[in-house]
Amino acid sequence: MQKFYKDIKKIKWCRLCGKEWRPRRYSWQDKRCICPACVYLEIKTWRKKNPEKWNDIMRRYKKKARPKRLPWVINAYEANKKWVSEHRERRREIDRDSYYRRKKKH
């Protein structure tokens, strides 16, 4: 059976703990000679030594992780959902009228 290059698994040994591990090809861990467990410990110690830098990183991450919809858009959507649940018959009429209007266009 012929193996293609992408099917071949790399095997590396961690330079800190000596454990065998298989990095995903072309990942950032493939370039380092440290297993994921040791990377976790390295990051953990760095976070303890540099809390202000870590907090700055987290602040930037949380800033980017805001919802794309603005709060008043979300509130308007919630109000619309509430109106629809309270006025089902009226909503059904609106849907039907819209359907026939669109049907006549085509």
Protein backbone atom coordinates (compact mmCIF):
# COMPACT_ATOMS: atom_id res chain seq x y z
CA MET A 1 0.00 0.00 0.00
CA GLN A 2 1.43 3.34 -1.05
CA LYS A 3 1.28 6.15 1.51
CA PHE A 4 0.98 9.74 0.45
CA TYR A 5 3.00 12.45 2.15
CA LYS A 6 0.00 13.84 4.05
CA ASP A 7 -0.84 10.36 5.41
CA ILE A 8 2.54 9.99 7.11
CA LYS A 9 2.36 10.88 10.81
CA LYS A 10 5.24 12.77 12.35
CA ILE A 11 6.54 11.48 15.66
CA LYS A 12 8.38 13.84 17.97
CA TRP A 13 9.76 13.55 21.47
CA CYS A 14 9.32 16.38 23.93
CA ARG A 15 12.63 17.99 24.93
CA LEU A 16 11.31 18.75 28.44
CA CYS A 17 9.56 15.57 29.54
CA GLY A 18 10.73 13.10 26.86
CA LYS A 19 7.20 11.97 26.03
CA GLU A 20 6.36 10.87 22.47
CA TRP A 21 3.70 12.91 20.67
CA ARG A 22 2.39 13.42 17.15
CA PRO A 23 1.86 17.05 16.09
CA ARG A 24 -0.63 17.99 13.41
CA ARG A 25 1.24 18.77 10.22
CA TYR A 26 1.98 22.47 9.55
CA SER A 27 0.65 23.58 12.94
CA TRP A 28 2.50 25.94 15.28
CA GLN A 29 3.20 22.99 17.59
CA ASP A 30 4.89 21.16 14.74
CA LYS A 31 7.61 23.85 14.72
CA ARG A 32 8.27 23.49 18.46
CA CYS A 33 9.78 20.48 20.18
CA ILE A 34 7.48 20.62 23.21
CA CYS A 35 4.42 18.40 23.74
CA PRO A 36 1.00 20.03 24.35
CA ALA A 37 1.10 19.20 28.08
CA CYS A 38 4.42 21.04 28.50
CA VAL A 39 3.15 23.97 26.41
CA TYR A 40 0.18 24.21 28.80
CA LEU A 41 2.53 24.29 31.81
CA GLU A 42 4.74 26.88 30.08
CA ILE A 43 1.75 29.14 29.42
CA LYS A 44 0.47 28.63 32.95
CA THR A 45 3.79 29.75 34.49
CA TRP A 46 3.99 32.73 32.11
CA ARG A 47 0.47 33.81 33.11
CA LYS A 48 1.41 33.70 36.79
CA LYS A 49 4.57 35.76 36.20
CA ASN A 50 2.89 38.35 33.92
CA PRO A 51 -0.70 38.90 35.09
CA GLU A 52 -0.96 42.43 33.64
CA LYS A 53 0.10 41.26 30.17
CA TRP A 54 -2.31 38.32 30.38
CA ASN A 55 -5.15 40.64 31.43
CA ASP A 56 -4.34 42.92 28.51
CA ILE A 57 -4.52 39.98 26.10
CA MET A 58 -7.83 38.87 27.61
CA ARG A 59 -9.21 42.41 27.43
CA ARG A 60 -8.42 42.60 23.71
CA TYR A 61 -9.94 39.15 23.15
CA LYS A 62 -13.15 40.05 24.97
CA LYS A 63 -13.36 43.32 23.06
CA LYS A 64 -13.30 41.38 19.78
CA ALA A 65 -15.78 38.83 21.04
CA ARG A 66 -18.68 41.30 21.24
CA PRO A 67 -21.88 40.31 19.47
CA LYS A 68 -22.16 41.81 16.00
CA ARG A 69 -25.73 42.91 16.57
CA LEU A 70 -26.24 46.11 18.47
CA PRO A 71 -28.27 46.01 21.71
CA TRP A 72 -31.20 48.00 20.32
CA VAL A 73 -31.41 45.68 17.32
CA ILE A 74 -31.59 42.69 19.65
CA ASN A 75 -34.24 44.45 21.80
CA ALA A 76 -36.30 45.31 18.71
CA TYR A 77 -36.13 41.67 17.60
CA GLU A 78 -37.28 40.49 21.04
CA ALA A 79 -40.15 43.01 20.99
CA ASN A 80 -41.16 41.80 17.52
CA LYS A 81 -41.14 38.18 18.68
CA LYS A 82 -43.35 39.13 21.62
CA TRP A 83 -45.78 40.99 19.32
CA VAL A 84 -45.96 38.03 16.94
CA SER A 85 -46.74 35.62 19.78
CA GLU A 86 -49.53 37.91 21.02
CA HIS A 87 -51.05 38.69 17.57
CA ARG A 88 -50.94 35.41 15.67
CA GLU A 89 -53.97 36.09 13.46
CA ARG A 90 -52.70 39.51 12.39
CA ARG A 91 -49.25 38.04 11.65
CA ARG A 92 -50.85 35.32 9.54
CA GLU A 93 -52.68 37.98 7.49
CA ILE A 94 -49.42 39.89 6.97
CA ASP A 95 -47.69 36.70 5.85
CA ARG A 96 -50.50 35.86 3.41
CA ASP A 97 -50.57 39.36 1.91
CA SER A 98 -46.80 39.32 1.50
CA TYR A 99 -46.98 35.91 -0.17
CA TYR A 100 -49.53 37.07 -2.76
CA ARG A 101 -47.68 40.35 -3.40
CA ARG A 102 -44.47 38.48 -4.12
CA LYS A 103 -46.30 35.89 -6.21
CA LYS A 104 -47.72 38.61 -8.50
CA LYS A 105 -44.25 40.11 -9.11
CA HIS A 106 -42.86 36.98 -10.76
